[in-house]
Amino acid sequence: MQSITTLKRHADLVDRMANTLGVDLEEKMMAGQLRPGDLSDAVLACTGCANPEACDHWLAAQDGAAEQGPDYCRNGDLFSLLKAGKRA
């Protein structure tokens, strides 16, 4: 099981990545496009990343906005679906 610190760090990375890509996770949940379990799965997928520091650096370099995430993002497909208005 992941530590609370690890889960919080990766929850923050998932949230920051979504925001950078223009995806409002709360709005998607209210619209029924994202279930709480999907969000939990996204955080868990993120914890499997071998280099979260690279994600931190990538996010910092984007200045808050990007069209698509880095190729190595384990949640890239999820964010693409949500950005297109599709259900996860």
PDB file of N, CA and C in Angstrom:
ATOM      1  N   MET A   1       0.844  -1.190   0.000  1.00  0.00           N
ATOM      2  CA  MET A   1       0.000   0.000   0.000  1.00  0.00           C
ATOM      3  C   MET A   1       0.883   1.245   0.000  1.00  0.00           C
ATOM      4  N   GLN A   2       0.424   2.255  -0.724  1.00  0.00           N
ATOM      5  CA  GLN A   2       1.158   3.513  -0.824  1.00  0.00           C
ATOM      6  C   GLN A   2       1.019   4.308   0.469  1.00  0.00           C
ATOM      7  N   SER A   3       2.044   5.072   0.792  1.00  0.00           N
ATOM      8  CA  SER A   3       1.971   5.937   1.971  1.00  0.00           C
ATOM      9  C   SER A   3       1.056   7.127   1.671  1.00  0.00           C
ATOM     10  N   ILE A   4       0.543   7.718   2.716  1.00  0.00           N
ATOM     11  CA  ILE A   4      -0.309   8.906   2.580  1.00  0.00           C
ATOM     12  C   ILE A   4       0.454  10.015   1.865  1.00  0.00           C
ATOM     13  N   THR A   5       1.713  10.173   2.181  1.00  0.00           N
ATOM     14  CA  THR A   5       2.531  11.209   1.549  1.00  0.00           C
ATOM     15  C   THR A   5       2.625  10.984   0.045  1.00  0.00           C
ATOM     16  N   THR A   6       2.855   9.743  -0.353  1.00  0.00           N
ATOM     17  CA  THR A   6       2.939   9.413  -1.781  1.00  0.00           C
ATOM     18  C   THR A   6       1.604   9.668  -2.473  1.00  0.00           C
ATOM     19  N   LEU A   7       0.523   9.227  -1.863  1.00  0.00           N
ATOM     20  CA  LEU A   7      -0.798   9.431  -2.467  1.00  0.00           C
ATOM     21  C   LEU A   7      -1.129  10.910  -2.610  1.00  0.00           C
ATOM     22  N   LYS A   8      -0.818  11.703  -1.591  1.00  0.00           N
ATOM     23  CA  LYS A   8      -1.069  13.146  -1.668  1.00  0.00           C
ATOM     24  C   LYS A   8      -0.237  13.791  -2.770  1.00  0.00           C
ATOM     25  N   ARG A   9       1.024  13.386  -2.868  1.00  0.00           N
ATOM     26  CA  ARG A   9       1.899  13.963  -3.895  1.00  0.00           C
ATOM     27  C   ARG A   9       1.339  13.679  -5.279  1.00  0.00           C
ATOM     28  N   HIS A  10       0.932  12.440  -5.504  1.00  0.00           N
ATOM     29  CA  HIS A  10       0.454  12.078  -6.838  1.00  0.00           C
ATOM     30  C   HIS A  10      -0.952  12.602  -7.107  1.00  0.00           C
ATOM     31  N   ALA A  11      -1.761  12.753  -6.078  1.00  0.00           N
ATOM     32  CA  ALA A  11      -3.065  13.401  -6.255  1.00  0.00           C
ATOM     33  C   ALA A  11      -2.852  14.840  -6.717  1.00  0.00           C
ATOM     34  N   ASP A  12      -1.857  15.488  -6.136  1.00  0.00           N
ATOM     35  CA  ASP A  12      -1.526  16.858  -6.537  1.00  0.00           C
ATOM     36  C   ASP A  12      -1.030  16.890  -7.981  1.00  0.00           C
ATOM     37  N   LEU A  13      -0.190  15.928  -8.358  1.00  0.00           N
ATOM     38  CA  LEU A  13       0.307  15.888  -9.737  1.00  0.00           C
ATOM     39  C   LEU A  13      -0.838  15.668 -10.728  1.00  0.00           C
ATOM     40  N   VAL A  14      -1.757  14.763 -10.402  1.00  0.00           N
ATOM     41  CA  VAL A  14      -2.909  14.514 -11.279  1.00  0.00           C
ATOM     42  C   VAL A  14      -3.747  15.787 -11.415  1.00  0.00           C
ATOM     43  N   ASP A  15      -3.996  16.451 -10.318  1.00  0.00           N
ATOM     44  CA  ASP A  15      -4.789  17.684 -10.348  1.00  0.00           C
ATOM     45  C   ASP A  15      -4.089  18.773 -11.153  1.00  0.00           C
ATOM     46  N   ARG A  16      -2.797  18.940 -10.920  1.00  0.00           N
ATOM     47  CA  ARG A  16      -2.038  19.967 -11.658  1.00  0.00           C
ATOM     48  C   ARG A  16      -1.986  19.653 -13.146  1.00  0.00           C
ATOM     49  N   MET A  17      -1.811  18.374 -13.496  1.00  0.00           N
ATOM     50  CA  MET A  17      -1.770  17.994 -14.910  1.00  0.00           C
ATOM     51  C   MET A  17      -3.124  18.269 -15.551  1.00  0.00           C
ATOM     52  N   ALA A  18      -4.194  17.881 -14.881  1.00  0.00           N
ATOM     53  CA  ALA A  18      -5.531  18.142 -15.426  1.00  0.00           C
ATOM     54  C   ALA A  18      -5.738  19.639 -15.646  1.00  0.00           C
ATOM     55  N   ASN A  19      -5.411  20.438 -14.656  1.00  0.00           N
ATOM     56  CA  ASN A  19      -5.569  21.890 -14.784  1.00  0.00           C
ATOM     57  C   ASN A  19      -4.735  22.443 -15.921  1.00  0.00           C
ATOM     58  N   THR A  20      -3.504  21.976 -16.045  1.00  0.00           N
ATOM     59  CA  THR A  20      -2.619  22.442 -17.112  1.00  0.00           C
ATOM     60  C   THR A  20      -3.185  22.107 -18.490  1.00  0.00           C
ATOM     61  N   LEU A  21      -3.882  20.970 -18.572  1.00  0.00           N
ATOM     62  CA  LEU A  21      -4.462  20.542 -19.845  1.00  0.00           C
ATOM     63  C   LEU A  21      -5.869  21.105 -20.065  1.00  0.00           C
ATOM     64  N   GLY A  22      -6.336  21.921 -19.132  1.00  0.00           N
ATOM     65  CA  GLY A  22      -7.651  22.541 -19.280  1.00  0.00           C
ATOM     66  C   GLY A  22      -8.801  21.627 -18.910  1.00  0.00           C
ATOM     67  N   VAL A  23      -8.533  20.626 -18.066  1.00  0.00           N
ATOM     68  CA  VAL A  23      -9.572  19.691 -17.636  1.00  0.00           C
ATOM     69  C   VAL A  23      -9.918  19.982 -16.179  1.00  0.00           C
ATOM     70  N   ASP A  24     -11.153  20.359 -15.934  1.00  0.00           N
ATOM     71  CA  ASP A  24     -11.634  20.615 -14.576  1.00  0.00           C
ATOM     72  C   ASP A  24     -12.213  19.304 -14.041  1.00  0.00           C
ATOM     73  N   LEU A  25     -11.457  18.624 -13.194  1.00  0.00           N
ATOM     74  CA  LEU A  25     -11.874  17.311 -12.703  1.00  0.00           C
ATOM     75  C   LEU A  25     -13.183  17.369 -11.923  1.00  0.00           C
ATOM     76  N   GLU A  26     -13.372  18.395 -11.136  1.00  0.00           N
ATOM     77  CA  GLU A  26     -14.614  18.535 -10.366  1.00  0.00           C
ATOM     78  C   GLU A  26     -15.807  18.699 -11.304  1.00  0.00           C
ATOM     79  N   GLU A  27     -15.636  19.519 -12.308  1.00  0.00           N
ATOM     80  CA  GLU A  27     -16.708  19.729 -13.290  1.00  0.00           C
ATOM     81  C   GLU A  27     -17.022  18.426 -14.019  1.00  0.00           C
ATOM     82  N   LYS A  28     -16.005  17.673 -14.377  1.00  0.00           N
ATOM     83  CA  LYS A  28     -16.195  16.401 -15.081  1.00  0.00           C
ATOM     84  C   LYS A  28     -16.927  15.392 -14.202  1.00  0.00           C
ATOM     85  N   MET A  29     -16.645  15.424 -12.899  1.00  0.00           N
ATOM     86  CA  MET A  29     -17.353  14.534 -11.979  1.00  0.00           C
ATOM     87  C   MET A  29     -18.828  14.930 -11.881  1.00  0.00           C
ATOM     88  N   MET A  30     -19.093  16.216 -11.766  1.00  0.00           N
ATOM     89  CA  MET A  30     -20.482  16.676 -11.668  1.00  0.00           C
ATOM     90  C   MET A  30     -21.253  16.382 -12.946  1.00  0.00           C
ATOM     91  N   ALA A  31     -20.572  16.380 -14.090  1.00  0.00           N
ATOM     92  CA  ALA A  31     -21.216  16.098 -15.372  1.00  0.00           C
ATOM     93  C   ALA A  31     -21.364  14.596 -15.621  1.00  0.00           C
ATOM     94  N   GLY A  32     -20.822  13.774 -14.728  1.00  0.00           N
ATOM     95  CA  GLY A  32     -20.921  12.329 -14.879  1.00  0.00           C
ATOM     96  C   GLY A  32     -19.914  11.727 -15.845  1.00  0.00           C
ATOM     97  N   GLN A  33     -18.934  12.521 -16.249  1.00  0.00           N
ATOM     98  CA  GLN A  33     -17.922  12.023 -17.173  1.00  0.00           C
ATOM     99  C   GLN A  33     -16.760  11.341 -16.443  1.00  0.00           C
ATOM    100  N   LEU A  34     -16.682  11.554 -15.155  1.00  0.00           N
ATOM    101  CA  LEU A  34     -15.599  10.991 -14.345  1.00  0.00           C
ATOM    102  C   LEU A  34     -16.200  10.533 -13.020  1.00  0.00           C
ATOM    103  N   ARG A  35     -15.989   9.275 -12.695  1.00  0.00           N
ATOM    104  CA  ARG A  35     -16.478   8.731 -11.423  1.00  0.00           C
ATOM    105  C   ARG A  35     -15.366   8.835 -10.383  1.00  0.00           C
ATOM    106  N   PRO A  36     -15.739   8.883  -9.108  1.00  0.00           N
ATOM    107  CA  PRO A  36     -14.707   8.941  -8.062  1.00  0.00           C
ATOM    108  C   PRO A  36     -13.686   7.807  -8.179  1.00  0.00           C
ATOM    109  N   GLY A  37     -14.139   6.627  -8.538  1.00  0.00           N
ATOM    110  CA  GLY A  37     -13.222   5.503  -8.716  1.00  0.00           C
ATOM    111  C   GLY A  37     -12.222   5.724  -9.839  1.00  0.00           C
ATOM    112  N   ASP A  38     -12.668   6.425 -10.895  1.00  0.00           N
ATOM    113  CA  ASP A  38     -11.769   6.743 -12.003  1.00  0.00           C
ATOM    114  C   ASP A  38     -10.654   7.672 -11.539  1.00  0.00           C
ATOM    115  N   LEU A  39     -11.031   8.626 -10.705  1.00  0.00           N
ATOM    116  CA  LEU A  39     -10.040   9.559 -10.190  1.00  0.00           C
ATOM    117  C   LEU A  39      -9.059   8.834  -9.268  1.00  0.00           C
ATOM    118  N   SER A  40      -9.569   7.970  -8.434  1.00  0.00           N
ATOM    119  CA  SER A  40      -8.687   7.175  -7.567  1.00  0.00           C
ATOM    120  C   SER A  40      -7.734   6.322  -8.402  1.00  0.00           C
ATOM    121  N   ASP A  41      -8.256   5.724  -9.465  1.00  0.00           N
ATOM    122  CA  ASP A  41      -7.417   4.914 -10.349  1.00  0.00           C
ATOM    123  C   ASP A  41      -6.337   5.762 -11.013  1.00  0.00           C
ATOM    124  N   ALA A  42      -6.682   6.999 -11.368  1.00  0.00           N
ATOM    125  CA  ALA A  42      -5.701   7.893 -11.987  1.00  0.00           C
ATOM    126  C   ALA A  42      -4.569   8.212 -11.014  1.00  0.00           C
ATOM    127  N   VAL A  43      -4.914   8.460  -9.767  1.00  0.00           N
ATOM    128  CA  VAL A  43      -3.886   8.736  -8.759  1.00  0.00           C
ATOM    129  C   VAL A  43      -3.009   7.506  -8.556  1.00  0.00           C
ATOM    130  N   LEU A  44      -3.622   6.332  -8.474  1.00  0.00           N
ATOM    131  CA  LEU A  44      -2.838   5.107  -8.305  1.00  0.00           C
ATOM    132  C   LEU A  44      -1.945   4.853  -9.518  1.00  0.00           C
ATOM    133  N   ALA A  45      -2.451   5.112 -10.713  1.00  0.00           N
ATOM    134  CA  ALA A  45      -1.617   4.960 -11.907  1.00  0.00           C
ATOM    135  C   ALA A  45      -0.424   5.903 -11.841  1.00  0.00           C
ATOM    136  N   CYS A  46      -0.664   7.103 -11.381  1.00  0.00           N
ATOM    137  CA  CYS A  46       0.400   8.092 -11.256  1.00  0.00           C
ATOM    138  C   CYS A  46       1.468   7.640 -10.264  1.00  0.00           C
ATOM    139  N   THR A  47       1.054   6.944  -9.191  1.00  0.00           N
ATOM    140  CA  THR A  47       2.044   6.495  -8.204  1.00  0.00           C
ATOM    141  C   THR A  47       3.008   5.482  -8.803  1.00  0.00           C
ATOM    142  N   GLY A  48       2.628   4.860  -9.917  1.00  0.00           N
ATOM    143  CA  GLY A  48       3.508   3.902 -10.580  1.00  0.00           C
ATOM    144  C   GLY A  48       4.546   4.554 -11.471  1.00  0.00           C
ATOM    145  N   CYS A  49       4.502   5.857 -11.597  1.00  0.00           N
ATOM    146  CA  CYS A  49       5.469   6.584 -12.426  1.00  0.00           C
ATOM    147  C   CYS A  49       6.860   6.480 -11.817  1.00  0.00           C
ATOM    148  N   ALA A  50       7.822   6.180 -12.642  1.00  0.00           N
ATOM    149  CA  ALA A  50       9.201   6.020 -12.172  1.00  0.00           C
ATOM    150  C   ALA A  50       9.896   7.352 -11.923  1.00  0.00           C
ATOM    151  N   ASN A  51       9.347   8.444 -12.465  1.00  0.00           N
ATOM    152  CA  ASN A  51      10.048   9.713 -12.349  1.00  0.00           C
ATOM    153  C   ASN A  51       9.078  10.882 -12.173  1.00  0.00           C
ATOM    154  N   PRO A  52       8.423  10.969 -11.005  1.00  0.00           N
ATOM    155  CA  PRO A  52       7.489  12.080 -10.806  1.00  0.00           C
ATOM    156  C   PRO A  52       8.168  13.444 -10.808  1.00  0.00           C
ATOM    157  N   GLU A  53       9.473  13.483 -10.572  1.00  0.00           N
ATOM    158  CA  GLU A  53      10.197  14.752 -10.622  1.00  0.00           C
ATOM    159  C   GLU A  53      10.157  15.341 -12.031  1.00  0.00           C
ATOM    160  N   ALA A  54      10.206  14.468 -13.041  1.00  0.00           N
ATOM    161  CA  ALA A  54      10.125  14.942 -14.429  1.00  0.00           C
ATOM    162  C   ALA A  54       8.768  15.600 -14.672  1.00  0.00           C
ATOM    163  N   CYS A  55       7.734  15.033 -14.088  1.00  0.00           N
ATOM    164  CA  CYS A  55       6.397  15.607 -14.224  1.00  0.00           C
ATOM    165  C   CYS A  55       6.348  16.980 -13.559  1.00  0.00           C
ATOM    166  N   ASP A  56       6.912  17.072 -12.371  1.00  0.00           N
ATOM    167  CA  ASP A  56       6.970  18.373 -11.677  1.00  0.00           C
ATOM    168  C   ASP A  56       7.649  19.421 -12.548  1.00  0.00           C
ATOM    169  N   HIS A  57       8.768  19.061 -13.152  1.00  0.00           N
ATOM    170  CA  HIS A  57       9.516  19.989 -14.006  1.00  0.00           C
ATOM    171  C   HIS A  57       8.721  20.334 -15.263  1.00  0.00           C
ATOM    172  N   TRP A  58       8.084  19.328 -15.858  1.00  0.00           N
ATOM    173  CA  TRP A  58       7.296  19.567 -17.062  1.00  0.00           C
ATOM    174  C   TRP A  58       6.153  20.534 -16.748  1.00  0.00           C
ATOM    175  N   LEU A  59       5.446  20.274 -15.659  1.00  0.00           N
ATOM    176  CA  LEU A  59       4.336  21.145 -15.273  1.00  0.00           C
ATOM    177  C   LEU A  59       4.807  22.579 -15.023  1.00  0.00           C
ATOM    178  N   ALA A  60       5.926  22.729 -14.362  1.00  0.00           N
ATOM    179  CA  ALA A  60       6.455  24.066 -14.084  1.00  0.00           C
ATOM    180  C   ALA A  60       6.811  24.795 -15.376  1.00  0.00           C
ATOM    181  N   ALA A  61       7.298  24.064 -16.368  1.00  0.00           N
ATOM    182  CA  ALA A  61       7.714  24.678 -17.630  1.00  0.00           C
ATOM    183  C   ALA A  61       6.529  25.087 -18.509  1.00  0.00           C
ATOM    184  N   GLN A  62       5.339  24.576 -18.227  1.00  0.00           N
ATOM    185  CA  GLN A  62       4.175  24.860 -19.081  1.00  0.00           C
ATOM    186  C   GLN A  62       3.502  26.184 -18.771  1.00  0.00           C
ATOM    187  N   ASP A  63       3.838  26.796 -17.676  1.00  0.00           N
ATOM    188  CA  ASP A  63       3.246  28.071 -17.286  1.00  0.00           C
ATOM    189  C   ASP A  63       1.722  27.986 -17.204  1.00  0.00           C
ATOM    190  N   GLY A  64       1.217  26.819 -16.755  1.00  0.00           N
ATOM    191  CA  GLY A  64      -0.204  26.682 -16.494  1.00  0.00           C
ATOM    192  C   GLY A  64      -1.083  26.253 -17.641  1.00  0.00           C
ATOM    193  N   ALA A  65      -0.537  26.077 -18.848  1.00  0.00           N
ATOM    194  CA  ALA A  65      -1.383  25.679 -19.970  1.00  0.00           C
ATOM    195  C   ALA A  65      -0.600  24.864 -20.994  1.00  0.00           C
ATOM    196  N   ALA A  66      -1.229  23.781 -21.455  1.00  0.00           N
ATOM    197  CA  ALA A  66      -0.637  22.941 -22.500  1.00  0.00           C
ATOM    198  C   ALA A  66      -1.767  22.238 -23.245  1.00  0.00           C
ATOM    199  N   GLU A  67      -1.539  21.916 -24.490  1.00  0.00           N
ATOM    200  CA  GLU A  67      -2.533  21.206 -25.296  1.00  0.00           C
ATOM    201  C   GLU A  67      -2.582  19.724 -24.961  1.00  0.00           C
ATOM    202  N   GLN A  68      -1.430  19.137 -24.703  1.00  0.00           N
ATOM    203  CA  GLN A  68      -1.380  17.723 -24.339  1.00  0.00           C
ATOM    204  C   GLN A  68      -0.242  17.495 -23.361  1.00  0.00           C
ATOM    205  N   GLY A  69      -0.381  16.419 -22.605  1.00  0.00           N
ATOM    206  CA  GLY A  69       0.621  16.096 -21.598  1.00  0.00           C
ATOM    207  C   GLY A  69       1.839  15.429 -22.204  1.00  0.00           C
ATOM    208  N   PRO A  70       2.822  15.168 -21.376  1.00  0.00           N
ATOM    209  CA  PRO A  70       4.025  14.491 -21.858  1.00  0.00           C
ATOM    210  C   PRO A  70       3.713  13.040 -22.229  1.00  0.00           C
ATOM    211  N   ASP A  71       4.478  12.478 -23.135  1.00  0.00           N
ATOM    212  CA  ASP A  71       4.253  11.109 -23.607  1.00  0.00           C
ATOM    213  C   ASP A  71       4.278  10.084 -22.488  1.00  0.00           C
ATOM    214  N   TYR A  72       5.048  10.340 -21.452  1.00  0.00           N
ATOM    215  CA  TYR A  72       5.200   9.363 -20.380  1.00  0.00           C
ATOM    216  C   TYR A  72       4.076   9.399 -19.344  1.00  0.00           C
ATOM    217  N   CYS A  73       3.135  10.317 -19.475  1.00  0.00           N
ATOM    218  CA  CYS A  73       2.053  10.431 -18.489  1.00  0.00           C
ATOM    219  C   CYS A  73       1.166   9.191 -18.557  1.00  0.00           C
ATOM    220  N   ARG A  74       1.019   8.535 -17.420  1.00  0.00           N
ATOM    221  CA  ARG A  74       0.210   7.321 -17.329  1.00  0.00           C
ATOM    222  C   ARG A  74      -1.283   7.614 -17.439  1.00  0.00           C
ATOM    223  N   ASN A  75      -1.667   8.857 -17.363  1.00  0.00           N
ATOM    224  CA  ASN A  75      -3.071   9.240 -17.454  1.00  0.00           C
ATOM    225  C   ASN A  75      -3.374  10.050 -18.708  1.00  0.00           C
ATOM    226  N   GLY A  76      -2.474  10.029 -19.655  1.00  0.00           N
ATOM    227  CA  GLY A  76      -2.654  10.799 -20.876  1.00  0.00           C
ATOM    228  C   GLY A  76      -3.941  10.476 -21.610  1.00  0.00           C
ATOM    229  N   ASP A  77      -4.277   9.188 -21.713  1.00  0.00           N
ATOM    230  CA  ASP A  77      -5.508   8.795 -22.407  1.00  0.00           C
ATOM    231  C   ASP A  77      -6.745   9.301 -21.662  1.00  0.00           C
ATOM    232  N   LEU A  78      -6.716   9.209 -20.346  1.00  0.00           N
ATOM    233  CA  LEU A  78      -7.835   9.701 -19.537  1.00  0.00           C
ATOM    234  C   LEU A  78      -8.038  11.192 -19.758  1.00  0.00           C
ATOM    235  N   PHE A  79      -6.954  11.949 -19.684  1.00  0.00           N
ATOM    236  CA  PHE A  79      -7.078  13.395 -19.865  1.00  0.00           C
ATOM    237  C   PHE A  79      -7.548  13.743 -21.273  1.00  0.00           C
ATOM    238  N   SER A  80      -7.108  12.993 -22.275  1.00  0.00           N
ATOM    239  CA  SER A  80      -7.548  13.238 -23.648  1.00  0.00           C
ATOM    240  C   SER A  80      -9.048  13.008 -23.796  1.00  0.00           C
ATOM    241  N   LEU A  81      -9.536  11.911 -23.212  1.00  0.00           N
ATOM    242  CA  LEU A  81     -10.979  11.633 -23.254  1.00  0.00           C
ATOM    243  C   LEU A  81     -11.769  12.737 -22.589  1.00  0.00           C
ATOM    244  N   LEU A  82     -11.353  13.113 -21.392  1.00  0.00           N
ATOM    245  CA  LEU A  82     -12.084  14.143 -20.654  1.00  0.00           C
ATOM    246  C   LEU A  82     -12.037  15.486 -21.370  1.00  0.00           C
ATOM    247  N   LYS A  83     -10.906  15.794 -21.948  1.00  0.00           N
ATOM    248  CA  LYS A  83     -10.765  17.069 -22.669  1.00  0.00           C
ATOM    249  C   LYS A  83     -11.690  17.102 -23.880  1.00  0.00           C
ATOM    250  N   ALA A  84     -11.906  15.924 -24.490  1.00  0.00           N
ATOM    251  CA  ALA A  84     -12.792  15.826 -25.645  1.00  0.00           C
ATOM    252  C   ALA A  84     -14.268  15.754 -25.243  1.00  0.00           C
ATOM    253  N   GLY A  85     -14.539  15.807 -23.934  1.00  0.00           N
ATOM    254  CA  GLY A  85     -15.920  15.768 -23.465  1.00  0.00           C
ATOM    255  C   GLY A  85     -16.506  14.372 -23.398  1.00  0.00           C
ATOM    256  N   LYS A  86     -15.641  13.364 -23.452  1.00  0.00           N
ATOM    257  CA  LYS A  86     -16.117  11.975 -23.399  1.00  0.00           C
ATOM    258  C   LYS A  86     -16.017  11.438 -21.978  1.00  0.00           C
ATOM    259  N   ARG A  87     -16.740  10.380 -21.751  1.00  0.00           N
ATOM    260  CA  ARG A  87     -16.748   9.748 -20.423  1.00  0.00           C
ATOM    261  C   ARG A  87     -15.519   8.861 -20.275  1.00  0.00           C
ATOM    262  N   ALA A  88     -14.952   8.900 -19.078  1.00  0.00           N
ATOM    263  CA  ALA A  88     -13.782   8.076 -18.788  1.00  0.00           C
ATOM    264  C   ALA A  88     -14.142   6.613 -18.747  1.00  0.00           C
TER     265      ALA A  88
END
